[in-house]
Amino acid sequence: MAPSTIRKAIGAVKDQTSIGLAKVSSNIAPDLDVAIVKATSHDDEPAEEKHIREILSLTSYSRGYIGACVATVSRRLGKTRDWIVALKALMLVHRLLVDGDPAFQHEILYATRRGTRLLNMSDFRDEAHSSSWDHSAFVRTYALYLDQRLECVIQDNKQSGAIGGGSSHSPRDQQQWRSPVAYHYSDYGDPDPYGRSSTHTLPRQGEEKRLMTPLREMKPEQVLDRMHQLQQLLDRFLACKPVGLAKSSRMVFVALYPVVKESFQLYADICEVLAVLLDRFFDMEYSDCIKSFEAYASVAKQIDELAAFYAWCKDTGVARSSEYPEVQRITDKLLETLEEFTRDRARRPKSPPRREEPAPVLQDEELVQDMNSIKALPAPSDYEEAPPQVKEEPKPELRSQTQSQPQGDLVDLRENAVTADTQGNKLAF
């Protein structure tokens, strides 16, 4: 027998053994464990849609089923050394994050905090296939993308108050981090057999529209933080480009299809943030100008890589060519203009900081108590008011009618002086 045939037979035996153990040892939901094993089987074919829908249906009953599902998938990822099983498990996680209950996001986050290595596949290595290094690399990069995507969704919910307010929402209801519509692994590259349109979404029970702060009303720091998150997610997406033998694997193409569909909205969000930064660039502070220019320079390189990735996807047949957005590159002329303006801002003399004069302290004026405003206390009940006494006006004193004569001066120097002859004549008489 050929090695591939033996490997398939061994994989089928492992799947049947896992199904038998799930039926016997599962305490919470044996049907759920069986469906997960069937959806992550060892055969080199995409999972059947009926198994995925059964998992979605069972996990919609209660929160306990969601926890059991996350635990089973995590255990499946931790034990396997087959890249096909690991890739199918990650595809199942991606599908649950998109179409499953919103509680999946929080359950996966809490499981990671408890030490469950659900999306941490950094040390994964395939041991079941020969020449599978490229496939293992794709599994690791795909897990990193899902981890970064989940982190962005959680951060977005925190900023909008969805977690703090006690209500959770699906990523499909978010304008940012928008996920594609429900897809089937079996109809890869074909129209939806159920006739659903590309914009069809079913609102879940209890969902409410979140109130998000418009991007143009955010502060420059918030816009730059937003740009940083988008760039991190774009880096994880660009790292998902398969290399080597993985470029010819059908399973890799099926897993890459929803990731590429999500990147369309990611690119639109990046363009929106770039437009806001460019509108505010010439009115920003110098420090914000530096950060904005660095963001433009780094995004320019990422967009060049994105255009090359899209070109490869079109040639390979991942999604339809008409679905891809027209990638607009950031020109060198624009970068030179922004850099020149930033240098001019650096050469400008800094104006001295404006001293704020202390406001004069108003001293409290002493309140002059108005005596007329004072009210007397009421009289006691046994108090009798005395009759008013009539005051006699004093009689005016009679002034003496005689007016006193003015008294002359004893020595009047103003009188005419008497000569000696006159005085002698008076004595002679």
Protein backbone atom coordinates (compact mmCIF):
# COMPACT_ATOMS: atom_id res chain seq x y z
CA MET A 1 0.00 0.00 0.00
CA ALA A 2 1.10 3.56 -0.71
CA PRO A 3 2.14 5.70 2.27
CA SER A 4 -0.70 8.13 1.61
CA THR A 5 -3.24 5.32 1.70
CA ILE A 6 -1.84 4.00 4.95
CA ARG A 7 -1.88 7.50 6.41
CA LYS A 8 -5.53 7.97 5.44
CA ALA A 9 -6.44 4.64 6.99
CA ILE A 10 -4.66 5.51 10.21
CA GLY A 11 -6.39 8.88 10.28
CA ALA A 12 -9.80 7.27 9.80
CA VAL A 13 -9.10 4.87 12.67
CA LYS A 14 -8.10 7.77 14.91
CA ASP A 15 -11.30 9.63 14.05
CA GLN A 16 -13.48 6.62 14.80
CA THR A 17 -11.67 6.11 18.09
CA SER A 18 -12.17 9.76 19.05
CA ILE A 19 -15.85 9.56 18.16
CA GLY A 20 -16.29 6.44 20.30
CA LEU A 21 -14.52 8.06 23.24
CA ALA A 22 -16.61 11.21 22.87
CA LYS A 23 -19.84 9.23 23.03
CA VAL A 24 -18.76 7.44 26.19
CA SER A 25 -16.67 9.93 28.17
CA SER A 26 -18.41 13.21 27.42
CA ASN A 27 -20.44 14.44 30.38
CA ILE A 28 -21.92 17.68 29.05
CA ALA A 29 -22.68 17.30 25.36
CA PRO A 30 -21.58 14.07 23.62
CA ASP A 31 -23.29 15.12 20.39
CA LEU A 32 -21.26 18.33 20.39
CA ASP A 33 -17.97 16.48 20.85
CA VAL A 34 -18.84 14.05 18.07
CA ALA A 35 -19.69 16.90 15.70
CA ILE A 36 -16.39 18.64 16.50
CA VAL A 37 -14.42 15.46 15.79
CA LYS A 38 -16.21 15.02 12.47
CA ALA A 39 -15.62 18.66 11.53
CA THR A 40 -11.89 18.31 12.27
CA SER A 41 -11.25 14.88 10.77
CA HIS A 42 -7.96 13.70 9.24
CA ASP A 43 -9.17 13.46 5.65
CA ASP A 44 -7.81 16.03 3.22
CA GLU A 45 -11.22 17.55 2.45
CA PRO A 46 -13.06 20.59 3.82
CA ALA A 47 -15.46 19.93 6.67
CA GLU A 48 -19.03 19.22 5.71
CA GLU A 49 -21.45 22.05 6.28
CA LYS A 50 -23.88 19.87 8.21
CA HIS A 51 -21.33 19.30 10.97
CA ILE A 52 -20.62 23.02 11.23
CA ARG A 53 -24.31 23.84 11.41
CA GLU A 54 -24.85 21.21 14.06
CA ILE A 55 -22.14 22.80 16.21
CA LEU A 56 -23.66 26.25 15.71
CA SER A 57 -27.08 24.93 16.63
CA LEU A 58 -25.92 23.13 19.77
CA THR A 59 -23.90 26.09 21.06
CA SER A 60 -26.87 28.41 20.67
CA TYR A 61 -28.76 26.61 23.44
CA SER A 62 -26.75 27.62 26.51
CA ARG A 63 -23.52 29.20 27.66
CA GLY A 64 -22.36 25.86 29.01
CA TYR A 65 -22.29 24.38 25.52
CA ILE A 66 -20.09 27.27 24.39
CA GLY A 67 -17.58 26.56 27.14
CA ALA A 68 -17.62 22.85 26.31
CA CYS A 69 -17.07 23.61 22.62
CA VAL A 70 -14.09 25.87 23.33
CA ALA A 71 -12.58 23.27 25.67
CA THR A 72 -12.99 20.46 23.11
CA VAL A 73 -11.48 22.48 20.25
CA SER A 74 -8.62 23.58 22.47
CA ARG A 75 -7.92 19.99 23.50
CA ARG A 76 -8.05 18.94 19.85
CA LEU A 77 -5.53 21.62 18.87
CA GLY A 78 -3.22 20.81 21.75
CA LYS A 79 -2.96 17.09 21.02
CA THR A 80 -2.80 16.94 17.24
CA ARG A 81 0.41 16.84 15.22
CA ASP A 82 -1.40 16.79 11.89
CA TRP A 83 -1.58 20.08 9.99
CA ILE A 84 -4.90 19.09 8.40
CA VAL A 85 -6.60 18.58 11.77
CA ALA A 86 -5.06 21.77 13.15
CA LEU A 87 -6.12 23.79 10.11
CA LYS A 88 -9.67 22.46 10.26
CA ALA A 89 -9.88 23.31 13.95
CA LEU A 90 -8.74 26.88 13.26
CA MET A 91 -11.26 27.16 10.42
CA LEU A 92 -13.94 26.02 12.86
CA VAL A 93 -12.87 28.69 15.36
CA HIS A 94 -12.99 31.31 12.62
CA ARG A 95 -16.47 30.21 11.62
CA LEU A 96 -17.67 30.30 15.23
CA LEU A 97 -16.31 33.82 15.70
CA VAL A 98 -18.14 34.99 12.59
CA ASP A 99 -21.46 33.13 12.75
CA GLY A 100 -21.55 31.79 16.29
CA ASP A 101 -22.87 33.29 19.47
CA PRO A 102 -21.13 36.53 20.53
CA ALA A 103 -20.16 34.82 23.77
CA PHE A 104 -17.56 32.82 21.83
CA GLN A 105 -15.30 35.87 21.76
CA HIS A 106 -15.35 36.28 25.53
CA GLU A 107 -15.13 32.54 26.19
CA ILE A 108 -12.01 32.23 24.04
CA LEU A 109 -10.54 35.30 25.72
CA TYR A 110 -11.23 33.95 29.21
CA ALA A 111 -9.86 30.54 28.24
CA THR A 112 -6.64 32.18 27.08
CA ARG A 113 -6.35 34.04 30.39
CA ARG A 114 -6.83 30.78 32.27
CA GLY A 115 -3.85 29.32 30.41
CA THR A 116 -5.63 27.46 27.62
CA ARG A 117 -3.47 27.60 24.50
CA LEU A 118 -6.28 27.88 22.00
CA LEU A 119 -4.83 30.23 19.37
CA ASN A 120 -1.19 30.00 20.44
CA MET A 121 0.24 27.70 17.75
CA SER A 122 3.72 29.19 17.67
CA ASP A 123 5.40 25.82 18.37
CA PHE A 124 3.16 23.69 16.14
CA ARG A 125 4.94 21.23 13.88
CA ASP A 126 3.43 18.57 11.66
CA GLU A 127 4.72 15.04 12.23
CA ALA A 128 2.22 13.06 10.16
CA HIS A 129 3.22 14.15 6.66
CA SER A 130 6.48 14.45 4.80
CA SER A 131 7.47 17.84 3.35
CA SER A 132 4.81 19.59 5.41
CA TRP A 133 6.90 22.46 6.74
CA ASP A 134 5.15 25.02 4.53
CA HIS A 135 1.73 23.77 5.67
CA SER A 136 2.76 24.02 9.31
CA ALA A 137 3.95 27.58 8.71
CA PHE A 138 0.56 28.50 7.28
CA VAL A 139 -1.17 27.00 10.33
CA ARG A 140 0.96 29.14 12.64
CA THR A 141 0.36 32.36 10.70
CA TYR A 142 -3.37 31.65 10.43
CA ALA A 143 -3.58 31.21 14.22
CA LEU A 144 -1.73 34.50 14.73
CA TYR A 145 -4.18 36.26 12.44
CA LEU A 146 -7.18 34.90 14.35
CA ASP A 147 -5.60 35.90 17.66
CA GLN A 148 -4.95 39.46 16.47
CA ARG A 149 -8.44 39.68 14.98
CA LEU A 150 -10.01 38.62 18.27
CA GLU A 151 -7.91 41.15 20.17
CA CYS A 152 -9.02 43.95 17.85
CA VAL A 153 -12.67 43.01 18.28
CA ILE A 154 -12.36 42.93 22.07
CA GLN A 155 -10.60 46.30 22.14
CA ASP A 156 -13.24 47.76 19.87
CA ASN A 157 -16.00 46.49 22.14
CA LYS A 158 -14.27 47.96 25.19
CA GLN A 159 -14.03 51.37 23.58
CA SER A 160 -17.70 51.30 22.68
CA GLY A 161 -18.70 50.15 26.17
CA ALA A 162 -20.19 46.88 25.01
CA ILE A 163 -18.29 44.76 27.52
CA GLY A 164 -18.45 47.21 30.35
CA GLY A 165 -22.13 47.73 29.83
CA GLY A 166 -22.91 44.06 30.05
CA SER A 167 -24.00 43.57 26.44
CA SER A 168 -22.00 41.84 23.75
CA HIS A 169 -22.28 42.12 20.02
CA SER A 170 -21.27 40.15 17.01
CA PRO A 171 -18.41 41.30 14.80
CA ARG A 172 -20.87 41.42 11.91
CA ASP A 173 -22.63 44.33 13.58
CA GLN A 174 -19.47 46.34 13.84
CA GLN A 175 -18.44 48.79 11.21
CA GLN A 176 -14.82 48.02 11.96
CA TRP A 177 -13.42 44.52 11.79
CA ARG A 178 -16.40 43.54 9.64
CA SER A 179 -16.50 39.84 8.83
CA PRO A 180 -17.73 38.35 5.59
CA VAL A 181 -21.12 36.75 5.28
CA ALA A 182 -21.63 33.12 6.13
CA TYR A 183 -19.70 30.84 3.80
CA HIS A 184 -19.50 27.13 3.20
CA TYR A 185 -16.30 25.17 2.99
CA SER A 186 -17.85 22.86 0.42
CA ASP A 187 -18.82 25.61 -2.04
CA TYR A 188 -15.38 27.28 -2.20
CA GLY A 189 -15.23 29.54 -5.25
CA ASP A 190 -18.92 28.96 -6.16
CA PRO A 191 -22.03 31.04 -5.50
CA ASP A 192 -23.96 30.36 -2.34
CA PRO A 193 -26.27 27.41 -3.07
CA TYR A 194 -28.85 28.79 -0.65
CA GLY A 195 -29.32 31.91 -2.76
CA ARG A 196 -28.29 34.37 -0.07
CA SER A 197 -27.06 37.75 -1.17
CA SER A 198 -23.64 39.09 -0.20
CA THR A 199 -25.23 41.60 2.17
CA HIS A 200 -27.62 39.22 3.89
CA THR A 201 -27.27 39.04 7.64
CA LEU A 202 -29.72 37.74 10.18
CA PRO A 203 -29.99 39.79 13.35
CA ARG A 204 -29.73 37.72 16.48
CA GLN A 205 -32.11 37.94 19.35
CA GLY A 206 -31.24 40.72 21.74
CA GLU A 207 -28.77 42.43 19.41
CA GLU A 208 -28.62 46.18 19.58
CA LYS A 209 -26.84 48.66 17.42
CA ARG A 210 -23.73 49.98 19.08
CA LEU A 211 -22.94 53.64 19.23
CA MET A 212 -19.44 54.24 17.96
CA THR A 213 -17.55 57.51 18.03
CA PRO A 214 -17.17 58.67 14.41
CA LEU A 215 -13.61 58.55 13.20
CA ARG A 216 -13.53 62.22 12.25
CA GLU A 217 -14.60 63.20 15.77
CA MET A 218 -11.77 61.30 17.46
CA LYS A 219 -8.71 63.01 18.87
CA PRO A 220 -5.40 62.63 16.98
CA GLU A 221 -4.11 60.20 19.60
CA GLN A 222 -7.16 57.98 19.16
CA VAL A 223 -6.88 58.04 15.38
CA LEU A 224 -3.21 57.04 15.57
CA ASP A 225 -4.03 54.21 17.97
CA ARG A 226 -6.69 53.05 15.58
CA MET A 227 -4.17 53.12 12.76
CA HIS A 228 -1.73 51.06 14.81
CA GLN A 229 -4.33 48.35 15.40
CA LEU A 230 -5.22 48.19 11.72
CA GLN A 231 -1.57 47.95 10.73
CA GLN A 232 -0.98 45.08 13.14
CA LEU A 233 -3.93 43.17 11.71
CA LEU A 234 -2.75 43.89 8.16
CA ASP A 235 0.69 42.53 9.03
CA ARG A 236 -0.88 39.30 10.29
CA PHE A 237 -2.94 39.05 7.10
CA LEU A 238 0.07 39.57 4.83
CA ALA A 239 1.92 36.87 6.76
CA CYS A 240 -0.82 34.39 5.81
CA LYS A 241 0.39 34.27 2.21
CA PRO A 242 1.26 30.61 1.61
CA VAL A 243 4.69 29.64 0.38
CA GLY A 244 6.26 26.54 -1.08
CA LEU A 245 4.08 23.46 -1.30
CA ALA A 246 1.27 25.18 0.59
CA LYS A 247 0.58 27.32 -2.49
CA SER A 248 -0.90 24.29 -4.24
CA SER A 249 -2.99 22.88 -1.37
CA ARG A 250 -6.76 23.04 -1.70
CA MET A 251 -7.23 23.05 2.06
CA VAL A 252 -5.01 26.12 2.32
CA PHE A 253 -7.08 27.89 -0.36
CA VAL A 254 -10.31 27.09 1.47
CA ALA A 255 -8.92 28.48 4.73
CA LEU A 256 -7.52 31.55 2.96
CA TYR A 257 -10.80 32.47 1.28
CA PRO A 258 -12.60 34.04 4.32
CA VAL A 259 -9.38 35.77 5.39
CA VAL A 260 -9.07 37.46 2.01
CA LYS A 261 -12.74 38.48 2.13
CA GLU A 262 -12.19 40.14 5.49
CA SER A 263 -9.15 42.00 4.19
CA PHE A 264 -11.37 44.00 1.81
CA GLN A 265 -13.03 45.77 4.72
CA LEU A 266 -9.68 46.06 6.49
CA TYR A 267 -8.24 47.91 3.51
CA ALA A 268 -11.28 50.22 3.42
CA ASP A 269 -10.82 51.06 7.11
CA ILE A 270 -7.14 51.85 6.55
CA CYS A 271 -7.99 54.19 3.67
CA GLU A 272 -10.51 55.99 5.86
CA VAL A 273 -7.97 56.54 8.63
CA LEU A 274 -5.37 57.75 6.12
CA ALA A 275 -7.84 60.30 4.77
CA VAL A 276 -8.53 61.65 8.26
CA LEU A 277 -4.82 61.92 9.05
CA LEU A 278 -4.15 63.75 5.80
CA ASP A 279 -6.96 66.25 6.43
CA ARG A 280 -5.59 67.08 9.89
CA PHE A 281 -1.90 66.79 9.06
CA PHE A 282 -1.20 70.48 8.44
CA ASP A 283 -3.01 71.54 11.63
CA MET A 284 -1.51 68.97 13.99
CA GLU A 285 1.09 69.47 16.67
CA TYR A 286 4.65 68.64 15.72
CA SER A 287 4.70 65.35 17.66
CA ASP A 288 1.49 64.19 15.99
CA CYS A 289 2.89 65.16 12.59
CA ILE A 290 5.89 62.91 13.18
CA LYS A 291 3.68 59.97 14.14
CA SER A 292 1.35 60.53 11.20
CA PHE A 293 4.24 60.67 8.75
CA GLU A 294 5.70 57.45 10.16
CA ALA A 295 2.29 55.80 9.81
CA TYR A 296 2.06 56.92 6.18
CA ALA A 297 5.55 55.64 5.41
CA SER A 298 4.93 52.21 6.96
CA VAL A 299 1.46 51.84 5.42
CA ALA A 300 2.89 52.66 1.99
CA LYS A 301 5.07 49.55 2.19
CA GLN A 302 2.19 47.43 3.47
CA ILE A 303 -0.08 48.56 0.64
CA ASP A 304 2.58 47.57 -1.90
CA GLU A 305 2.70 44.09 -0.35
CA LEU A 306 -1.10 43.98 -0.28
CA ALA A 307 -1.32 44.76 -3.99
CA ALA A 308 1.13 41.93 -4.75
CA PHE A 309 -0.84 39.56 -2.48
CA TYR A 310 -4.10 40.42 -4.23
CA ALA A 311 -2.50 39.88 -7.62
CA TRP A 312 -1.39 36.40 -6.56
CA CYS A 313 -4.85 35.60 -5.16
CA LYS A 314 -6.47 36.64 -8.44
CA ASP A 315 -4.13 34.45 -10.44
CA THR A 316 -4.70 31.52 -8.10
CA GLY A 317 -8.48 31.89 -8.04
CA VAL A 318 -9.07 32.85 -4.41
CA ALA A 319 -12.41 34.70 -4.62
CA ARG A 320 -13.65 36.45 -7.73
CA SER A 321 -11.59 39.15 -9.39
CA SER A 322 -14.56 41.52 -9.35
CA GLU A 323 -14.72 41.36 -5.55
CA TYR A 324 -11.25 42.79 -5.01
CA PRO A 325 -10.96 46.51 -4.30
CA GLU A 326 -8.79 48.75 -6.42
CA VAL A 327 -5.67 49.25 -4.35
CA GLN A 328 -4.40 52.83 -4.47
CA ARG A 329 -0.73 53.11 -3.68
CA ILE A 330 0.73 55.98 -1.69
CA THR A 331 2.93 57.94 -4.07
CA ASP A 332 6.47 59.05 -3.32
CA LYS A 333 5.46 62.63 -4.09
CA LEU A 334 2.93 62.63 -1.26
CA LEU A 335 5.49 61.21 1.15
CA GLU A 336 8.02 63.86 0.11
CA THR A 337 5.45 66.62 0.66
CA LEU A 338 4.62 65.35 4.13
CA GLU A 339 8.29 64.94 5.00
CA GLU A 340 9.14 68.46 3.80
CA PHE A 341 6.30 69.95 5.81
CA THR A 342 7.45 68.04 8.89
CA ARG A 343 10.98 69.39 8.51
CA ASP A 344 9.66 72.94 8.12
CA ARG A 345 7.70 72.53 11.33
CA ALA A 346 10.89 71.41 13.07
CA ARG A 347 12.81 74.52 11.90
CA ARG A 348 10.22 76.97 13.13
CA PRO A 349 11.25 78.81 16.30
CA LYS A 350 9.31 77.66 19.21
CA SER A 351 7.23 80.37 20.73
CA PRO A 352 7.75 80.77 24.47
CA PRO A 353 5.05 79.23 26.53
CA ARG A 354 2.38 81.67 27.38
CA ARG A 355 2.38 82.56 31.02
CA GLU A 356 -0.93 82.42 32.60
CA GLU A 357 -1.46 85.32 34.93
CA PRO A 358 -3.04 84.28 38.18
CA ALA A 359 -6.54 85.51 38.52
CA PRO A 360 -6.92 88.20 41.19
CA VAL A 361 -8.26 86.86 44.40
CA LEU A 362 -11.40 88.68 45.33
CA GLN A 363 -11.40 89.45 49.02
CA ASP A 364 -14.64 89.00 50.70
CA GLU A 365 -15.97 92.36 51.69
CA GLU A 366 -17.03 92.67 55.25
CA LEU A 367 -20.71 92.61 55.32
CA VAL A 368 -22.16 95.63 57.07
CA GLN A 369 -25.06 94.48 59.06
CA ASP A 370 -28.17 96.48 58.40
CA MET A 371 -29.80 97.27 61.71
CA ASN A 372 -33.16 97.78 60.05
CA SER A 373 -33.12 94.23 58.76
CA ILE A 374 -32.83 92.76 62.25
CA LYS A 375 -36.11 91.46 63.46
CA ALA A 376 -36.94 91.45 67.12
CA LEU A 377 -38.02 88.35 68.89
CA PRO A 378 -41.74 88.08 69.60
CA ALA A 379 -42.91 89.19 73.03
CA PRO A 380 -43.73 86.55 75.63
CA SER A 381 -47.35 85.52 75.94
CA ASP A 382 -47.78 87.02 79.47
CA TYR A 383 -46.29 90.35 78.58
CA GLU A 384 -48.59 93.39 78.89
CA GLU A 385 -47.67 96.42 76.94
CA ALA A 386 -47.40 99.57 79.13
CA PRO A 387 -49.32 102.70 78.04
CA PRO A 388 -47.16 105.14 76.19
CA GLN A 389 -45.80 107.98 78.35
CA VAL A 390 -46.18 111.52 77.07
CA LYS A 391 -42.96 113.42 77.39
CA GLU A 392 -43.23 117.13 78.40
CA GLU A 393 -41.25 119.41 76.26
CA PRO A 394 -38.92 121.68 78.28
CA LYS A 395 -39.96 125.40 78.39
CA PRO A 396 -37.57 127.71 76.69
CA GLU A 397 -35.62 129.94 79.13
CA LEU A 398 -36.33 133.63 78.99
CA ARG A 399 -33.41 135.43 77.78
CA SER A 400 -32.50 138.62 79.54
CA GLN A 401 -33.74 141.56 77.58
CA THR A 402 -30.92 143.69 78.78
CA GLN A 403 -28.00 143.48 76.61
CA SER A 404 -24.72 143.75 78.32
CA GLN A 405 -22.68 146.82 77.48
CA PRO A 406 -19.47 146.12 75.79
CA GLN A 407 -16.55 146.58 78.15
CA GLY A 408 -13.90 148.85 76.91
CA ASP A 409 -10.29 148.15 76.94
CA LEU A 410 -8.41 149.33 80.03
CA VAL A 411 -5.51 150.36 77.98
CA ASP A 412 -6.50 151.66 74.65
CA LEU A 413 -3.45 152.15 72.57
CA ARG A 414 -5.57 153.47 69.79
CA GLU A 415 -6.40 156.74 71.70
CA ASN A 416 -4.53 159.90 70.76
CA ALA A 417 -1.45 160.39 72.83
CA VAL A 418 -1.47 163.41 75.29
CA THR A 419 1.46 165.72 74.99
CA ALA A 420 3.44 167.05 77.98
CA ASP A 421 2.31 170.70 77.53
CA THR A 422 -1.33 169.73 77.61
CA GLN A 423 -0.84 167.66 80.73
CA GLY A 424 0.96 170.57 82.42
CA ASN A 425 -1.82 172.99 81.62
CA LYS A 426 -4.35 170.60 83.20
CA LEU A 427 -2.32 170.41 86.41
CA ALA A 428 -2.02 174.22 86.56
CA PHE A 429 -5.71 174.64 86.79
